[in-house]
N, C-alpha and C. Protein backbone atom coordinates (compact mmCIF):
# COMPACT_ATOMS: atom_id res chain seq x y z
N MET A 1 0.85 -1.18 0.00
CA MET A 1 0.00 0.00 0.00
C MET A 1 0.89 1.24 0.00
N LYS A 2 0.46 2.23 -0.74
CA LYS A 2 1.19 3.50 -0.77
C LYS A 2 1.08 4.19 0.59
N PRO A 3 2.02 5.09 0.88
CA PRO A 3 1.98 5.81 2.16
C PRO A 3 0.66 6.56 2.35
N ILE A 4 0.33 6.77 3.61
CA ILE A 4 -0.90 7.46 4.00
C ILE A 4 -0.53 8.70 4.80
N GLY A 5 -1.19 9.81 4.50
CA GLY A 5 -1.06 11.02 5.31
C GLY A 5 -2.32 11.20 6.13
N ILE A 6 -2.17 11.28 7.44
CA ILE A 6 -3.31 11.57 8.32
C ILE A 6 -3.18 13.02 8.76
N PHE A 7 -4.23 13.79 8.53
CA PHE A 7 -4.26 15.21 8.86
C PHE A 7 -5.39 15.43 9.85
N TYR A 8 -5.06 15.95 11.02
CA TYR A 8 -6.07 16.11 12.07
C TYR A 8 -6.02 17.51 12.67
N GLY A 9 -7.15 17.92 13.21
CA GLY A 9 -7.25 19.12 14.03
C GLY A 9 -7.74 18.71 15.40
N SER A 10 -7.07 19.16 16.46
CA SER A 10 -7.43 18.71 17.80
C SER A 10 -7.21 19.84 18.80
N THR A 11 -8.19 20.09 19.64
CA THR A 11 -8.08 21.09 20.69
C THR A 11 -7.77 20.43 22.03
N THR A 12 -8.50 19.36 22.35
CA THR A 12 -8.34 18.72 23.65
C THR A 12 -7.40 17.50 23.61
N GLY A 13 -6.97 17.10 22.42
CA GLY A 13 -6.09 15.95 22.27
C GLY A 13 -6.82 14.67 21.89
N LYS A 14 -8.16 14.65 21.96
CA LYS A 14 -8.91 13.43 21.64
C LYS A 14 -8.75 13.04 20.17
N THR A 15 -8.85 14.00 19.28
CA THR A 15 -8.74 13.69 17.85
C THR A 15 -7.32 13.24 17.51
N GLU A 16 -6.34 13.84 18.12
CA GLU A 16 -4.95 13.42 17.92
C GLU A 16 -4.78 11.96 18.36
N GLU A 17 -5.35 11.60 19.49
CA GLU A 17 -5.25 10.22 19.98
C GLU A 17 -5.92 9.24 19.02
N ILE A 18 -7.07 9.63 18.47
CA ILE A 18 -7.75 8.76 17.51
C ILE A 18 -6.88 8.61 16.26
N ALA A 19 -6.25 9.68 15.80
CA ALA A 19 -5.35 9.59 14.64
C ALA A 19 -4.24 8.59 14.91
N LYS A 20 -3.67 8.61 16.09
CA LYS A 20 -2.61 7.66 16.45
C LYS A 20 -3.14 6.23 16.51
N LYS A 21 -4.35 6.04 17.02
CA LYS A 21 -4.94 4.70 17.07
C LYS A 21 -5.19 4.17 15.67
N ILE A 22 -5.61 5.05 14.76
CA ILE A 22 -5.82 4.64 13.37
C ILE A 22 -4.47 4.25 12.76
N LYS A 23 -3.46 5.05 12.98
CA LYS A 23 -2.12 4.73 12.45
C LYS A 23 -1.66 3.36 12.93
N ASN A 24 -1.88 3.06 14.19
CA ASN A 24 -1.42 1.79 14.77
C ASN A 24 -2.09 0.57 14.14
N GLN A 25 -3.21 0.75 13.47
CA GLN A 25 -3.90 -0.35 12.81
C GLN A 25 -3.23 -0.76 11.49
N PHE A 26 -2.36 0.10 10.98
CA PHE A 26 -1.68 -0.15 9.71
C PHE A 26 -0.21 -0.49 10.00
N SER A 27 0.06 -1.73 10.32
CA SER A 27 1.42 -2.10 10.75
C SER A 27 2.43 -2.12 9.61
N ASP A 28 2.02 -2.43 8.40
CA ASP A 28 2.96 -2.57 7.29
C ASP A 28 2.92 -1.39 6.31
N THR A 29 2.41 -0.27 6.73
CA THR A 29 2.23 0.87 5.84
C THR A 29 2.88 2.10 6.45
N GLN A 30 3.55 2.87 5.60
CA GLN A 30 4.11 4.14 6.08
C GLN A 30 2.97 5.13 6.27
N ILE A 31 2.87 5.67 7.47
CA ILE A 31 1.84 6.66 7.77
C ILE A 31 2.51 7.84 8.45
N ASP A 32 2.22 9.02 7.92
CA ASP A 32 2.71 10.26 8.52
C ASP A 32 1.50 11.00 9.06
N ILE A 33 1.66 11.54 10.27
CA ILE A 33 0.56 12.27 10.91
C ILE A 33 0.91 13.75 10.96
N TYR A 34 -0.05 14.59 10.57
CA TYR A 34 0.13 16.03 10.54
C TYR A 34 -0.95 16.72 11.38
N ASN A 35 -0.53 17.61 12.25
CA ASN A 35 -1.45 18.54 12.88
C ASN A 35 -1.74 19.61 11.83
N VAL A 36 -3.00 19.82 11.49
CA VAL A 36 -3.33 20.74 10.40
C VAL A 36 -2.88 22.17 10.69
N ARG A 37 -2.62 22.48 11.93
CA ARG A 37 -2.13 23.82 12.28
C ARG A 37 -0.84 24.13 11.53
N PHE A 38 -0.06 23.09 11.21
CA PHE A 38 1.25 23.27 10.59
C PHE A 38 1.34 22.72 9.17
N ALA A 39 0.25 22.16 8.65
CA ALA A 39 0.27 21.52 7.33
C ALA A 39 0.10 22.55 6.21
N ILE A 40 0.71 22.22 5.08
CA ILE A 40 0.63 23.08 3.89
C ILE A 40 0.13 22.25 2.70
N VAL A 41 -0.16 22.91 1.60
CA VAL A 41 -0.68 22.25 0.41
C VAL A 41 0.24 21.11 -0.04
N ASN A 42 1.54 21.34 -0.07
CA ASN A 42 2.47 20.30 -0.52
C ASN A 42 2.40 19.06 0.34
N ASP A 43 2.13 19.22 1.64
CA ASP A 43 2.00 18.06 2.51
C ASP A 43 0.86 17.16 2.04
N LEU A 44 -0.27 17.75 1.70
CA LEU A 44 -1.42 16.99 1.22
C LEU A 44 -1.14 16.33 -0.13
N GLU A 45 -0.59 17.10 -1.04
CA GLU A 45 -0.46 16.65 -2.42
C GLU A 45 0.54 15.50 -2.60
N LYS A 46 1.39 15.25 -1.63
CA LYS A 46 2.37 14.17 -1.82
C LYS A 46 1.80 12.78 -1.50
N TYR A 47 0.56 12.72 -1.05
CA TYR A 47 -0.06 11.44 -0.72
C TYR A 47 -1.18 11.09 -1.70
N ASP A 48 -1.27 9.81 -2.05
CA ASP A 48 -2.40 9.30 -2.82
C ASP A 48 -3.51 8.83 -1.89
N ASN A 49 -3.15 8.56 -0.64
CA ASN A 49 -4.09 8.12 0.40
C ASN A 49 -4.07 9.13 1.53
N ILE A 50 -5.22 9.72 1.81
CA ILE A 50 -5.31 10.76 2.83
C ILE A 50 -6.45 10.45 3.78
N ILE A 51 -6.17 10.58 5.07
CA ILE A 51 -7.20 10.46 6.10
C ILE A 51 -7.29 11.81 6.80
N LEU A 52 -8.49 12.36 6.86
CA LEU A 52 -8.73 13.65 7.50
C LEU A 52 -9.59 13.44 8.73
N GLY A 53 -9.26 14.14 9.82
CA GLY A 53 -10.05 13.98 11.03
C GLY A 53 -10.09 15.23 11.88
N THR A 54 -11.25 15.49 12.43
CA THR A 54 -11.42 16.60 13.35
C THR A 54 -12.69 16.39 14.17
N SER A 55 -12.87 17.24 15.11
CA SER A 55 -14.05 17.16 15.97
C SER A 55 -15.11 18.16 15.53
N THR A 56 -16.30 17.95 16.03
CA THR A 56 -17.40 18.89 15.83
C THR A 56 -17.60 19.62 17.15
N TRP A 57 -17.69 20.93 17.07
CA TRP A 57 -17.91 21.75 18.26
C TRP A 57 -19.29 22.36 18.16
N GLY A 58 -20.10 22.15 19.19
CA GLY A 58 -21.45 22.71 19.18
C GLY A 58 -22.24 22.14 18.03
N LYS A 59 -22.95 23.00 17.33
CA LYS A 59 -23.77 22.57 16.19
C LYS A 59 -23.07 22.94 14.89
N ALA A 60 -22.55 21.95 14.21
CA ALA A 60 -21.97 22.10 12.87
C ALA A 60 -20.77 23.04 12.82
N GLU A 61 -19.95 23.05 13.86
CA GLU A 61 -18.74 23.87 13.87
C GLU A 61 -17.52 22.97 13.87
N LEU A 62 -16.59 23.25 12.96
CA LEU A 62 -15.34 22.51 12.94
C LEU A 62 -14.41 23.00 14.04
N GLN A 63 -13.51 22.14 14.44
CA GLN A 63 -12.43 22.52 15.34
C GLN A 63 -11.68 23.69 14.71
N GLU A 64 -11.23 24.63 15.50
CA GLU A 64 -10.68 25.90 15.01
C GLU A 64 -9.51 25.74 14.04
N ASP A 65 -8.54 24.90 14.34
CA ASP A 65 -7.41 24.71 13.43
C ASP A 65 -7.86 24.11 12.11
N PHE A 66 -8.81 23.17 12.18
CA PHE A 66 -9.28 22.56 10.93
C PHE A 66 -10.07 23.56 10.10
N LYS A 67 -10.81 24.42 10.77
CA LYS A 67 -11.55 25.47 10.05
C LYS A 67 -10.57 26.35 9.26
N LYS A 68 -9.44 26.67 9.87
CA LYS A 68 -8.41 27.48 9.19
C LYS A 68 -7.69 26.69 8.10
N PHE A 69 -7.74 25.36 8.18
CA PHE A 69 -7.11 24.48 7.21
C PHE A 69 -7.95 24.31 5.94
N LEU A 70 -9.24 24.61 6.00
CA LEU A 70 -10.13 24.41 4.85
C LEU A 70 -9.64 25.09 3.57
N PRO A 71 -9.14 26.34 3.61
CA PRO A 71 -8.63 26.93 2.37
C PRO A 71 -7.45 26.15 1.77
N ILE A 72 -6.64 25.55 2.62
CA ILE A 72 -5.53 24.73 2.13
C ILE A 72 -6.09 23.48 1.45
N LEU A 73 -7.08 22.86 2.05
CA LEU A 73 -7.74 21.70 1.43
C LEU A 73 -8.33 22.08 0.08
N GLN A 74 -8.98 23.23 0.02
CA GLN A 74 -9.62 23.66 -1.22
C GLN A 74 -8.61 23.98 -2.31
N LYS A 75 -7.45 24.45 -1.91
CA LYS A 75 -6.41 24.82 -2.87
C LYS A 75 -5.65 23.61 -3.41
N ALA A 76 -5.57 22.55 -2.63
CA ALA A 76 -4.79 21.36 -3.01
C ALA A 76 -5.41 20.64 -4.19
N ASP A 77 -4.56 20.07 -5.04
CA ASP A 77 -5.00 19.24 -6.15
C ASP A 77 -5.22 17.83 -5.60
N LEU A 78 -6.46 17.45 -5.42
CA LEU A 78 -6.79 16.17 -4.83
C LEU A 78 -7.39 15.20 -5.84
N ARG A 79 -7.32 15.54 -7.11
CA ARG A 79 -7.89 14.68 -8.16
C ARG A 79 -7.26 13.29 -8.11
N GLY A 80 -8.12 12.28 -8.03
CA GLY A 80 -7.68 10.90 -8.04
C GLY A 80 -7.15 10.39 -6.72
N LYS A 81 -7.06 11.26 -5.72
CA LYS A 81 -6.56 10.84 -4.41
C LYS A 81 -7.70 10.21 -3.61
N LYS A 82 -7.38 9.18 -2.86
CA LYS A 82 -8.40 8.53 -2.03
C LYS A 82 -8.40 9.19 -0.67
N ILE A 83 -9.60 9.59 -0.25
CA ILE A 83 -9.75 10.33 1.01
C ILE A 83 -10.77 9.64 1.90
N ALA A 84 -10.36 9.42 3.14
CA ALA A 84 -11.24 8.90 4.19
C ALA A 84 -11.32 9.96 5.28
N ILE A 85 -12.47 10.04 5.93
CA ILE A 85 -12.70 11.08 6.94
C ILE A 85 -13.18 10.43 8.23
N PHE A 86 -12.64 10.90 9.36
CA PHE A 86 -13.20 10.51 10.65
C PHE A 86 -13.53 11.78 11.42
N GLY A 87 -14.54 11.67 12.25
CA GLY A 87 -14.96 12.82 13.04
C GLY A 87 -15.24 12.42 14.47
N VAL A 88 -14.87 13.29 15.38
CA VAL A 88 -15.09 13.06 16.80
C VAL A 88 -16.25 13.93 17.26
N GLY A 89 -17.20 13.32 17.95
CA GLY A 89 -18.36 14.06 18.43
C GLY A 89 -18.88 13.46 19.72
N ASP A 90 -19.91 14.07 20.25
CA ASP A 90 -20.55 13.61 21.49
C ASP A 90 -22.04 13.41 21.19
N SER A 91 -22.44 12.16 21.05
CA SER A 91 -23.81 11.86 20.66
C SER A 91 -24.83 12.13 21.76
N ALA A 92 -24.40 12.16 23.01
CA ALA A 92 -25.32 12.43 24.11
C ALA A 92 -25.55 13.93 24.29
N LYS A 93 -24.48 14.70 24.26
CA LYS A 93 -24.58 16.14 24.48
C LYS A 93 -25.06 16.88 23.22
N TYR A 94 -24.67 16.37 22.04
CA TYR A 94 -25.04 17.01 20.77
C TYR A 94 -25.69 15.99 19.83
N PRO A 95 -26.84 15.44 20.20
CA PRO A 95 -27.45 14.40 19.38
C PRO A 95 -27.99 14.89 18.04
N VAL A 96 -28.19 16.20 17.88
CA VAL A 96 -28.71 16.72 16.61
C VAL A 96 -27.60 17.24 15.69
N SER A 97 -26.36 17.12 16.12
CA SER A 97 -25.24 17.53 15.26
C SER A 97 -24.06 16.59 15.44
N PHE A 98 -24.36 15.32 15.68
CA PHE A 98 -23.33 14.34 15.97
C PHE A 98 -22.37 14.16 14.80
N ALA A 99 -21.09 14.41 15.07
CA ALA A 99 -20.02 14.21 14.09
C ALA A 99 -20.30 14.92 12.77
N ASP A 100 -20.91 16.09 12.84
CA ASP A 100 -21.17 16.89 11.64
C ASP A 100 -19.91 17.20 10.85
N SER A 101 -18.76 17.18 11.52
CA SER A 101 -17.51 17.53 10.86
C SER A 101 -17.24 16.65 9.63
N ILE A 102 -17.62 15.39 9.68
CA ILE A 102 -17.40 14.50 8.53
C ILE A 102 -18.13 15.05 7.30
N GLY A 103 -19.39 15.40 7.48
CA GLY A 103 -20.19 15.93 6.37
C GLY A 103 -19.71 17.28 5.89
N ILE A 104 -19.25 18.12 6.80
CA ILE A 104 -18.73 19.44 6.41
C ILE A 104 -17.50 19.28 5.53
N ILE A 105 -16.58 18.42 5.94
CA ILE A 105 -15.38 18.19 5.14
C ILE A 105 -15.74 17.56 3.80
N PHE A 106 -16.63 16.58 3.81
CA PHE A 106 -17.08 15.96 2.58
C PHE A 106 -17.62 17.00 1.61
N ASP A 107 -18.49 17.87 2.10
CA ASP A 107 -19.08 18.91 1.25
C ASP A 107 -18.03 19.84 0.66
N VAL A 108 -17.02 20.18 1.44
CA VAL A 108 -15.97 21.08 0.97
C VAL A 108 -15.18 20.42 -0.17
N LEU A 109 -14.97 19.12 -0.09
CA LEU A 109 -14.14 18.42 -1.07
C LEU A 109 -14.92 17.80 -2.22
N ASP A 110 -16.22 17.67 -2.06
CA ASP A 110 -17.04 17.07 -3.11
C ASP A 110 -16.91 17.88 -4.40
N GLY A 111 -16.66 17.21 -5.49
CA GLY A 111 -16.51 17.89 -6.77
C GLY A 111 -15.08 18.27 -7.10
N LYS A 112 -14.12 17.97 -6.23
CA LYS A 112 -12.72 18.30 -6.49
C LYS A 112 -11.96 17.13 -7.11
N GLY A 113 -12.66 16.05 -7.44
CA GLY A 113 -12.02 14.91 -8.09
C GLY A 113 -11.43 13.88 -7.15
N ALA A 114 -11.63 14.06 -5.85
CA ALA A 114 -11.16 13.08 -4.89
C ALA A 114 -12.08 11.86 -4.92
N ILE A 115 -11.54 10.72 -4.51
CA ILE A 115 -12.31 9.49 -4.41
C ILE A 115 -12.52 9.22 -2.92
N PHE A 116 -13.76 9.30 -2.48
CA PHE A 116 -14.06 9.12 -1.06
C PHE A 116 -14.20 7.63 -0.73
N VAL A 117 -13.57 7.22 0.34
CA VAL A 117 -13.65 5.83 0.81
C VAL A 117 -13.95 5.86 2.31
N GLY A 118 -14.41 4.73 2.82
CA GLY A 118 -14.57 4.62 4.27
C GLY A 118 -15.95 4.94 4.81
N GLU A 119 -16.99 4.78 3.97
CA GLU A 119 -18.34 4.94 4.52
C GLU A 119 -18.52 3.97 5.68
N PHE A 120 -19.32 4.38 6.67
CA PHE A 120 -19.50 3.55 7.86
C PHE A 120 -20.97 3.52 8.23
N SER A 121 -21.44 2.36 8.64
CA SER A 121 -22.85 2.17 8.96
C SER A 121 -23.28 3.01 10.17
N VAL A 122 -24.52 3.47 10.13
CA VAL A 122 -25.10 4.20 11.25
C VAL A 122 -25.60 3.26 12.35
N LYS A 123 -25.63 1.97 12.05
CA LYS A 123 -26.13 0.99 13.02
C LYS A 123 -25.26 0.99 14.28
N GLY A 124 -25.93 0.99 15.42
CA GLY A 124 -25.23 0.94 16.69
C GLY A 124 -24.95 2.30 17.30
N TYR A 125 -25.19 3.38 16.57
CA TYR A 125 -24.99 4.73 17.09
C TYR A 125 -26.31 5.27 17.64
N GLN A 126 -26.24 6.04 18.70
CA GLN A 126 -27.41 6.66 19.31
C GLN A 126 -27.32 8.18 19.13
N PHE A 127 -28.08 8.74 18.21
CA PHE A 127 -28.08 10.17 17.93
C PHE A 127 -29.37 10.50 17.20
N GLN A 128 -29.64 11.79 17.00
CA GLN A 128 -30.87 12.18 16.31
C GLN A 128 -30.62 12.55 14.85
N SER A 129 -29.55 13.34 14.59
CA SER A 129 -29.26 13.72 13.22
C SER A 129 -27.79 14.08 13.08
N SER A 130 -27.35 14.09 11.83
CA SER A 130 -25.96 14.41 11.54
C SER A 130 -25.84 14.85 10.08
N LEU A 131 -25.02 15.86 9.84
CA LEU A 131 -24.72 16.29 8.48
C LEU A 131 -23.82 15.28 7.76
N SER A 132 -23.38 14.26 8.47
CA SER A 132 -22.43 13.29 7.94
C SER A 132 -23.08 12.07 7.30
N ILE A 133 -24.39 12.04 7.27
CA ILE A 133 -25.08 10.88 6.70
C ILE A 133 -25.42 11.15 5.24
N PHE A 134 -24.99 10.22 4.41
CA PHE A 134 -25.28 10.26 2.99
C PHE A 134 -25.86 8.90 2.63
N GLY A 135 -27.09 8.90 2.16
CA GLY A 135 -27.76 7.62 1.95
C GLY A 135 -28.07 7.02 3.30
N GLU A 136 -27.60 5.81 3.52
CA GLU A 136 -27.88 5.13 4.78
C GLU A 136 -26.62 4.97 5.63
N ASN A 137 -25.54 5.63 5.26
CA ASN A 137 -24.27 5.50 5.98
C ASN A 137 -23.69 6.87 6.32
N PHE A 138 -22.77 6.86 7.28
CA PHE A 138 -21.94 8.02 7.51
C PHE A 138 -20.93 8.09 6.37
N ALA A 139 -20.52 9.27 5.99
CA ALA A 139 -19.52 9.44 4.93
C ALA A 139 -18.11 9.10 5.43
N GLY A 140 -17.98 8.78 6.68
CA GLY A 140 -16.71 8.40 7.29
C GLY A 140 -16.97 7.75 8.63
N LEU A 141 -15.96 7.73 9.48
CA LEU A 141 -16.07 7.09 10.79
C LEU A 141 -16.34 8.09 11.89
N PRO A 142 -17.51 8.03 12.53
CA PRO A 142 -17.77 8.86 13.70
C PRO A 142 -17.22 8.18 14.96
N ILE A 143 -16.57 8.95 15.79
CA ILE A 143 -16.03 8.46 17.05
C ILE A 143 -16.62 9.29 18.18
N ASP A 144 -17.13 8.61 19.20
CA ASP A 144 -17.69 9.29 20.36
C ASP A 144 -16.85 8.91 21.57
N GLU A 145 -15.90 9.77 21.92
CA GLU A 145 -15.01 9.52 23.05
C GLU A 145 -15.66 9.87 24.38
N ASP A 146 -16.82 10.51 24.34
CA ASP A 146 -17.48 10.94 25.56
C ASP A 146 -18.57 9.97 26.02
N SER A 147 -19.43 9.54 25.10
CA SER A 147 -20.60 8.75 25.48
C SER A 147 -20.55 7.28 25.06
N GLU A 148 -19.67 6.95 24.10
CA GLU A 148 -19.61 5.57 23.62
C GLU A 148 -18.17 5.10 23.46
N CYS A 149 -17.30 5.52 24.35
CA CYS A 149 -15.87 5.22 24.21
C CYS A 149 -15.58 3.72 24.22
N GLU A 150 -16.42 2.93 24.87
CA GLU A 150 -16.19 1.49 24.94
C GLU A 150 -16.36 0.81 23.58
N LEU A 151 -16.96 1.49 22.62
CA LEU A 151 -17.19 0.93 21.29
C LEU A 151 -16.12 1.36 20.27
N ASN A 152 -15.28 2.30 20.64
CA ASN A 152 -14.35 2.89 19.67
C ASN A 152 -13.27 1.95 19.17
N LYS A 153 -12.73 1.12 20.03
CA LYS A 153 -11.67 0.21 19.60
C LYS A 153 -12.16 -0.69 18.47
N GLU A 154 -13.35 -1.25 18.64
CA GLU A 154 -13.92 -2.12 17.62
C GLU A 154 -14.26 -1.33 16.35
N ARG A 155 -14.82 -0.15 16.51
CA ARG A 155 -15.18 0.67 15.34
C ARG A 155 -13.94 1.06 14.54
N ILE A 156 -12.88 1.45 15.22
CA ILE A 156 -11.63 1.82 14.53
C ILE A 156 -11.07 0.61 13.79
N ALA A 157 -11.09 -0.55 14.42
CA ALA A 157 -10.59 -1.76 13.77
C ALA A 157 -11.41 -2.11 12.53
N MET A 158 -12.72 -2.03 12.64
CA MET A 158 -13.59 -2.32 11.49
C MET A 158 -13.32 -1.33 10.35
N TRP A 159 -13.21 -0.06 10.69
CA TRP A 159 -13.02 0.98 9.67
C TRP A 159 -11.66 0.83 8.99
N THR A 160 -10.62 0.60 9.77
CA THR A 160 -9.30 0.48 9.15
C THR A 160 -9.20 -0.80 8.32
N ASP A 161 -9.89 -1.86 8.69
CA ASP A 161 -9.93 -3.06 7.84
C ASP A 161 -10.57 -2.73 6.49
N LEU A 162 -11.62 -1.94 6.53
CA LEU A 162 -12.26 -1.48 5.30
C LEU A 162 -11.30 -0.63 4.47
N LEU A 163 -10.60 0.30 5.12
CA LEU A 163 -9.67 1.16 4.40
C LEU A 163 -8.54 0.37 3.76
N LYS A 164 -8.09 -0.66 4.41
CA LYS A 164 -7.01 -1.49 3.85
C LYS A 164 -7.41 -2.09 2.52
N GLN A 165 -8.70 -2.33 2.32
CA GLN A 165 -9.21 -2.87 1.06
C GLN A 165 -9.42 -1.78 0.02
N CYS A 166 -9.63 -0.54 0.46
CA CYS A 166 -10.01 0.54 -0.45
C CYS A 166 -8.85 1.44 -0.87
N LEU A 167 -7.86 1.58 -0.03
CA LEU A 167 -6.77 2.50 -0.34
C LEU A 167 -5.80 1.89 -1.33
N ASN A 168 -5.01 2.75 -1.98
CA ASN A 168 -4.04 2.29 -2.99
C ASN A 168 -2.91 1.52 -2.36
């Protein structure tokens, strides 16, 4: 498999920890992790496989560093690159905007020629609504470190197994 770039935005450290857990699932693959606060267009463009992750704050708000990273994402040539997205949210405290960050990122990149991978089933999640649902699945992996943390290890393993089949 070609190298993977993981780009995350994290305020409290939860999203950074999830990025590291995802990396650890790929034992035979080169993976570089970037805090989006310091990432540039060239960092994105050197990967054919990209994983993006951030948290949702309140209702449909991206983590601050990732919000500032959006223009860099929009500027990057992502045609033909495979992109997977994970989002961290709290389904109990914010059940009407659970993991909206996945959908926000998807919408920003839709139409730029990227190939989205890593849809994940909504089954087993407890929430009311999310901008991250397309069809009957999430457009990426939602992680709830606050209300469903006991399920995250299995969800990350399932998602990364799927990505291993989909990425270059």
